[in-house]
PDB file of all heavy atoms in Angstrom:
ATOM      1  N   PRO A   1      67.813 107.968  97.481  1.00  0.00           N
ATOM      2  CA  PRO A   1      66.824 108.972  97.852  1.00  0.00           C
ATOM      3  C   PRO A   1      65.752 108.411  98.769  1.00  0.00           C
ATOM      4  O   PRO A   1      65.507 107.209  98.803  1.00  0.00           O
ATOM      5  CB  PRO A   1      66.231 109.385  96.506  1.00  0.00           C
ATOM      6  CG  PRO A   1      66.377 108.179  95.651  1.00  0.00           C
ATOM      7  CD  PRO A   1      67.673 107.542  96.059  1.00  0.00           C
ATOM      8  N   ILE A   2      65.085 109.309  99.499  1.00  0.00           N
ATOM      9  CA  ILE A   2      64.128 108.872 100.510  1.00  0.00           C
ATOM     10  C   ILE A   2      62.742 108.625  99.941  1.00  0.00           C
ATOM     11  O   ILE A   2      61.913 108.002 100.608  1.00  0.00           O
ATOM     12  CB  ILE A   2      64.054 109.896 101.657  1.00  0.00           C
ATOM     13  CG1 ILE A   2      63.714 111.295 101.121  1.00  0.00           C
ATOM     14  CG2 ILE A   2      65.357 109.902 102.435  1.00  0.00           C
ATOM     15  CD1 ILE A   2      63.510 112.321 102.216  1.00  0.00           C
ATOM     16  N   ILE A   3      62.452 109.086  98.724  1.00  0.00           N
ATOM     17  CA  ILE A   3      61.167 108.845  98.063  1.00  0.00           C
ATOM     18  C   ILE A   3      61.449 108.088  96.773  1.00  0.00           C
ATOM     19  O   ILE A   3      62.264 108.523  95.953  1.00  0.00           O
ATOM     20  CB  ILE A   3      60.434 110.158  97.741  1.00  0.00           C
ATOM     21  CG1 ILE A   3      60.328 111.047  98.983  1.00  0.00           C
ATOM     22  CG2 ILE A   3      59.069 109.865  97.130  1.00  0.00           C
ATOM     23  CD1 ILE A   3      59.546 110.453 100.132  1.00  0.00           C
ATOM     24  N   GLN A   4      60.761 106.947  96.590  1.00  0.00           N
ATOM     25  CA  GLN A   4      60.979 106.151  95.376  1.00  0.00           C
ATOM     26  C   GLN A   4      59.694 105.884  94.603  1.00  0.00           C
ATOM     27  O   GLN A   4      59.737 105.346  93.500  1.00  0.00           O
ATOM     28  CB  GLN A   4      61.628 104.814  95.724  1.00  0.00           C
ATOM     29  CG  GLN A   4      62.838 104.904  96.626  1.00  0.00           C
ATOM     30  CD  GLN A   4      62.447 104.826  98.092  1.00  0.00           C
ATOM     31  OE1 GLN A   4      61.555 104.075  98.476  1.00  0.00           O
ATOM     32  NE2 GLN A   4      63.119 105.613  98.928  1.00  0.00           N
ATOM     33  N   THR A   5      58.529 106.212  95.164  1.00  0.00           N
ATOM     34  CA  THR A   5      57.258 105.956  94.492  1.00  0.00           C
ATOM     35  C   THR A   5      56.988 106.958  93.371  1.00  0.00           C
ATOM     36  O   THR A   5      56.198 106.689  92.473  1.00  0.00           O
ATOM     37  CB  THR A   5      56.096 105.995  95.493  1.00  0.00           C
ATOM     38  OG1 THR A   5      56.204 107.192  96.279  1.00  0.00           O
ATOM     39  CG2 THR A   5      56.133 104.784  96.406  1.00  0.00           C
ATOM     40  N   HIS A   6      57.626 108.137  93.464  1.00  0.00           N
ATOM     41  CA  HIS A   6      57.505 109.175  92.435  1.00  0.00           C
ATOM     42  C   HIS A   6      58.853 109.871  92.320  1.00  0.00           C
ATOM     43  O   HIS A   6      59.651 109.864  93.259  1.00  0.00           O
ATOM     44  CB  HIS A   6      56.433 110.207  92.797  1.00  0.00           C
ATOM     45  CG  HIS A   6      55.055 109.629  92.937  1.00  0.00           C
ATOM     46  ND1 HIS A   6      54.203 109.449  91.869  1.00  0.00           N
ATOM     47  CD2 HIS A   6      54.382 109.169  94.029  1.00  0.00           C
ATOM     48  CE1 HIS A   6      53.066 108.923  92.293  1.00  0.00           C
ATOM     49  NE2 HIS A   6      53.152 108.729  93.598  1.00  0.00           N
ATOM     50  N   PHE A   7      59.099 110.487  91.184  1.00  0.00           N
ATOM     51  CA  PHE A   7      60.271 111.342  91.044  1.00  0.00           C
ATOM     52  C   PHE A   7      59.960 112.687  91.695  1.00  0.00           C
ATOM     53  O   PHE A   7      58.947 113.310  91.389  1.00  0.00           O
ATOM     54  CB  PHE A   7      60.643 111.530  89.576  1.00  0.00           C
ATOM     55  CG  PHE A   7      61.179 110.278  88.933  1.00  0.00           C
ATOM     56  CD1 PHE A   7      60.425 109.593  87.995  1.00  0.00           C
ATOM     57  CD2 PHE A   7      62.428 109.790  89.267  1.00  0.00           C
ATOM     58  CE1 PHE A   7      60.904 108.445  87.394  1.00  0.00           C
ATOM     59  CE2 PHE A   7      62.923 108.633  88.676  1.00  0.00           C
ATOM     60  CZ  PHE A   7      62.161 107.959  87.738  1.00  0.00           C
ATOM     61  N   THR A   8      60.846 113.107  92.596  1.00  0.00           N
ATOM     62  CA  THR A   8      60.619 114.341  93.357  1.00  0.00           C
ATOM     63  C   THR A   8      61.861 115.214  93.312  1.00  0.00           C
ATOM     64  O   THR A   8      62.982 114.728  93.158  1.00  0.00           O
ATOM     65  CB  THR A   8      60.277 114.019  94.817  1.00  0.00           C
ATOM     66  OG1 THR A   8      61.318 113.182  95.372  1.00  0.00           O
ATOM     67  CG2 THR A   8      58.944 113.308  94.933  1.00  0.00           C
ATOM     68  N   ALA A   9      61.655 116.515  93.459  1.00  0.00           N
ATOM     69  CA  ALA A   9      62.780 117.454  93.432  1.00  0.00           C
ATOM     70  C   ALA A   9      62.446 118.660  94.298  1.00  0.00           C
ATOM     71  O   ALA A   9      61.354 118.760  94.865  1.00  0.00           O
ATOM     72  CB  ALA A   9      63.062 117.886  91.991  1.00  0.00           C
ATOM     73  N   ASP A  10      63.410 119.581  94.415  1.00  0.00           N
ATOM     74  CA  ASP A  10      63.206 120.879  95.055  1.00  0.00           C
ATOM     75  C   ASP A  10      62.588 120.747  96.444  1.00  0.00           C
ATOM     76  O   ASP A  10      61.525 121.306  96.734  1.00  0.00           O
ATOM     77  CB  ASP A  10      62.330 121.765  94.169  1.00  0.00           C
ATOM     78  CG  ASP A  10      62.857 121.894  92.759  1.00  0.00           C
ATOM     79  OD1 ASP A  10      64.089 121.986  92.602  1.00  0.00           O
ATOM     80  OD2 ASP A  10      62.049 121.898  91.810  1.00  0.00           O
ATOM     81  N   PRO A  11      63.237 120.021  97.372  1.00  0.00           N
ATOM     82  CA  PRO A  11      62.646 119.758  98.679  1.00  0.00           C
ATOM     83  C   PRO A  11      62.477 121.020  99.508  1.00  0.00           C
ATOM     84  O   PRO A  11      63.370 121.869  99.580  1.00  0.00           O
ATOM     85  CB  PRO A  11      63.656 118.811  99.323  1.00  0.00           C
ATOM     86  CG  PRO A  11      64.960 119.152  98.659  1.00  0.00           C
ATOM     87  CD  PRO A  11      64.599 119.476  97.249  1.00  0.00           C
ATOM     88  N   ALA A  12      61.321 121.139 100.154  1.00  0.00           N
ATOM     89  CA  ALA A  12      61.027 122.288 101.011  1.00  0.00           C
ATOM     90  C   ALA A  12      60.470 121.782 102.336  1.00  0.00           C
ATOM     91  O   ALA A  12      59.255 121.658 102.506  1.00  0.00           O
ATOM     92  CB  ALA A  12      60.030 123.221 100.326  1.00  0.00           C
ATOM     93  N   PRO A  13      61.336 121.442 103.292  1.00  0.00           N
ATOM     94  CA  PRO A  13      60.866 120.901 104.565  1.00  0.00           C
ATOM     95  C   PRO A  13      60.304 121.986 105.483  1.00  0.00           C
ATOM     96  O   PRO A  13      60.782 123.120 105.510  1.00  0.00           O
ATOM     97  CB  PRO A  13      62.135 120.282 105.156  1.00  0.00           C
ATOM     98  CG  PRO A  13      63.251 121.101 104.584  1.00  0.00           C
ATOM     99  CD  PRO A  13      62.808 121.472 103.202  1.00  0.00           C
ATOM    100  N   LEU A  14      59.279 121.614 106.233  1.00  0.00           N
ATOM    101  CA  LEU A  14      58.663 122.479 107.239  1.00  0.00           C
ATOM    102  C   LEU A  14      58.459 121.661 108.508  1.00  0.00           C
ATOM    103  O   LEU A  14      57.872 120.576 108.460  1.00  0.00           O
ATOM    104  CB  LEU A  14      57.311 122.998 106.741  1.00  0.00           C
ATOM    105  CG  LEU A  14      56.400 123.668 107.780  1.00  0.00           C
ATOM    106  CD1 LEU A  14      56.973 125.022 108.205  1.00  0.00           C
ATOM    107  CD2 LEU A  14      54.979 123.826 107.254  1.00  0.00           C
ATOM    108  N   VAL A  15      58.926 122.171 109.645  1.00  0.00           N
ATOM    109  CA  VAL A  15      58.692 121.514 110.926  1.00  0.00           C
ATOM    110  C   VAL A  15      57.480 122.158 111.579  1.00  0.00           C
ATOM    111  O   VAL A  15      57.435 123.376 111.791  1.00  0.00           O
ATOM    112  CB  VAL A  15      59.922 121.633 111.845  1.00  0.00           C
ATOM    113  CG1 VAL A  15      59.631 121.002 113.199  1.00  0.00           C
ATOM    114  CG2 VAL A  15      61.132 120.979 111.201  1.00  0.00           C
ATOM    115  N   HIS A  16      56.475 121.333 111.897  1.00  0.00           N
ATOM    116  CA  HIS A  16      55.260 121.858 112.526  1.00  0.00           C
ATOM    117  C   HIS A  16      54.680 120.806 113.454  1.00  0.00           C
ATOM    118  O   HIS A  16      54.444 119.662 113.046  1.00  0.00           O
ATOM    119  CB  HIS A  16      54.228 122.235 111.456  1.00  0.00           C
ATOM    120  CG  HIS A  16      52.938 122.751 112.035  1.00  0.00           C
ATOM    121  ND1 HIS A  16      52.844 123.983 112.633  1.00  0.00           N
ATOM    122  CD2 HIS A  16      51.707 122.178 112.125  1.00  0.00           C
ATOM    123  CE1 HIS A  16      51.606 124.167 113.046  1.00  0.00           C
ATOM    124  NE2 HIS A  16      50.902 123.091 112.762  1.00  0.00           N
ATOM    125  N   ASP A  17      54.463 121.182 114.703  1.00  0.00           N
ATOM    126  CA  ASP A  17      53.871 120.298 115.709  1.00  0.00           C
ATOM    127  C   ASP A  17      54.581 118.947 115.781  1.00  0.00           C
ATOM    128  O   ASP A  17      53.945 117.883 115.868  1.00  0.00           O
ATOM    129  CB  ASP A  17      52.378 120.098 115.427  1.00  0.00           C
ATOM    130  CG  ASP A  17      51.533 121.306 115.842  1.00  0.00           C
ATOM    131  OD1 ASP A  17      52.069 122.192 116.527  1.00  0.00           O
ATOM    132  OD2 ASP A  17      50.350 121.349 115.469  1.00  0.00           O
ATOM    133  N   GLY A  18      55.903 118.968 115.739  1.00  0.00           N
ATOM    134  CA  GLY A  18      56.691 117.757 115.912  1.00  0.00           C
ATOM    135  C   GLY A  18      56.798 116.861 114.703  1.00  0.00           C
ATOM    136  O   GLY A  18      57.323 115.753 114.804  1.00  0.00           O
ATOM    137  N   VAL A  19      56.312 117.329 113.545  1.00  0.00           N
ATOM    138  CA  VAL A  19      56.341 116.548 112.315  1.00  0.00           C
ATOM    139  C   VAL A  19      57.149 117.310 111.264  1.00  0.00           C
ATOM    140  O   VAL A  19      57.067 118.547 111.167  1.00  0.00           O
ATOM    141  CB  VAL A  19      54.916 116.303 111.778  1.00  0.00           C
ATOM    142  CG1 VAL A  19      54.947 115.541 110.455  1.00  0.00           C
ATOM    143  CG2 VAL A  19      54.079 115.555 112.813  1.00  0.00           C
ATOM    144  N   VAL A  20      57.944 116.581 110.474  1.00  0.00           N
ATOM    145  CA  VAL A  20      58.589 117.174 109.307  1.00  0.00           C
ATOM    146  C   VAL A  20      57.673 116.967 108.112  1.00  0.00           C
ATOM    147  O   VAL A  20      57.383 115.833 107.719  1.00  0.00           O
ATOM    148  CB  VAL A  20      59.964 116.539 109.024  1.00  0.00           C
ATOM    149  CG1 VAL A  20      60.566 117.149 107.753  1.00  0.00           C
ATOM    150  CG2 VAL A  20      60.904 116.752 110.203  1.00  0.00           C
ATOM    151  N   TYR A  21      57.190 118.076 107.565  1.00  0.00           N
ATOM    152  CA  TYR A  21      56.398 118.058 106.339  1.00  0.00           C
ATOM    153  C   TYR A  21      57.326 118.431 105.184  1.00  0.00           C
ATOM    154  O   TYR A  21      57.921 119.504 105.189  1.00  0.00           O
ATOM    155  CB  TYR A  21      55.231 119.039 106.426  1.00  0.00           C
ATOM    156  CG  TYR A  21      54.188 118.624 107.433  1.00  0.00           C
ATOM    157  CD1 TYR A  21      54.198 119.133 108.737  1.00  0.00           C
ATOM    158  CD2 TYR A  21      53.197 117.710 107.095  1.00  0.00           C
ATOM    159  CE1 TYR A  21      53.240 118.747 109.659  1.00  0.00           C
ATOM    160  CE2 TYR A  21      52.230 117.316 108.016  1.00  0.00           C
ATOM    161  CZ  TYR A  21      52.260 117.843 109.289  1.00  0.00           C
ATOM    162  OH  TYR A  21      51.306 117.443 110.205  1.00  0.00           O
ATOM    163  N   LEU A  22      57.441 117.526 104.234  1.00  0.00           N
ATOM    164  CA  LEU A  22      58.368 117.717 103.121  1.00  0.00           C
ATOM    165  C   LEU A  22      57.577 117.975 101.838  1.00  0.00           C
ATOM    166  O   LEU A  22      56.979 117.055 101.273  1.00  0.00           O
ATOM    167  CB  LEU A  22      59.257 116.485 102.963  1.00  0.00           C
ATOM    168  CG  LEU A  22      60.219 116.483 101.774  1.00  0.00           C
ATOM    169  CD1 LEU A  22      61.224 117.623 101.889  1.00  0.00           C
ATOM    170  CD2 LEU A  22      60.921 115.145 101.659  1.00  0.00           C
ATOM    171  N   TYR A  23      57.563 119.225 101.413  1.00  0.00           N
ATOM    172  CA  TYR A  23      56.917 119.593 100.156  1.00  0.00           C
ATOM    173  C   TYR A  23      57.933 119.454  99.034  1.00  0.00           C
ATOM    174  O   TYR A  23      59.112 119.816  99.192  1.00  0.00           O
ATOM    175  CB  TYR A  23      56.397 121.027 100.221  1.00  0.00           C
ATOM    176  CG  TYR A  23      55.384 121.233 101.325  1.00  0.00           C
ATOM    177  CD1 TYR A  23      55.789 121.560 102.621  1.00  0.00           C
ATOM    178  CD2 TYR A  23      54.024 121.080 101.089  1.00  0.00           C
ATOM    179  CE1 TYR A  23      54.873 121.734 103.644  1.00  0.00           C
ATOM    180  CE2 TYR A  23      53.089 121.264 102.114  1.00  0.00           C
ATOM    181  CZ  TYR A  23      53.520 121.578 103.379  1.00  0.00           C
ATOM    182  OH  TYR A  23      52.614 121.749 104.390  1.00  0.00           O
ATOM    183  N   THR A  24      57.485 118.926  97.902  1.00  0.00           N
ATOM    184  CA  THR A  24      58.394 118.734  96.770  1.00  0.00           C
ATOM    185  C   THR A  24      57.710 119.128  95.471  1.00  0.00           C
ATOM    186  O   THR A  24      56.481 119.092  95.364  1.00  0.00           O
ATOM    187  CB  THR A  24      58.836 117.261  96.631  1.00  0.00           C
ATOM    188  OG1 THR A  24      57.752 116.478  96.123  1.00  0.00           O
ATOM    189  CG2 THR A  24      59.310 116.688  97.951  1.00  0.00           C
ATOM    190  N   SER A  25      58.518 119.466  94.492  1.00  0.00           N
ATOM    191  CA  SER A  25      58.021 119.471  93.129  1.00  0.00           C
ATOM    192  C   SER A  25      58.027 118.027  92.632  1.00  0.00           C
ATOM    193  O   SER A  25      58.488 117.117  93.321  1.00  0.00           O
ATOM    194  CB  SER A  25      58.864 120.383  92.237  1.00  0.00           C
ATOM    195  OG  SER A  25      60.219 119.966  92.244  1.00  0.00           O
TER     196      SER A  25
END
């Protein structure tokens, strides 16, 4: 997985102004 500092789930990516913002539970 791409995140290891916390347990994350339910990825909700948003592309805005050239950046991928990844919201997670």
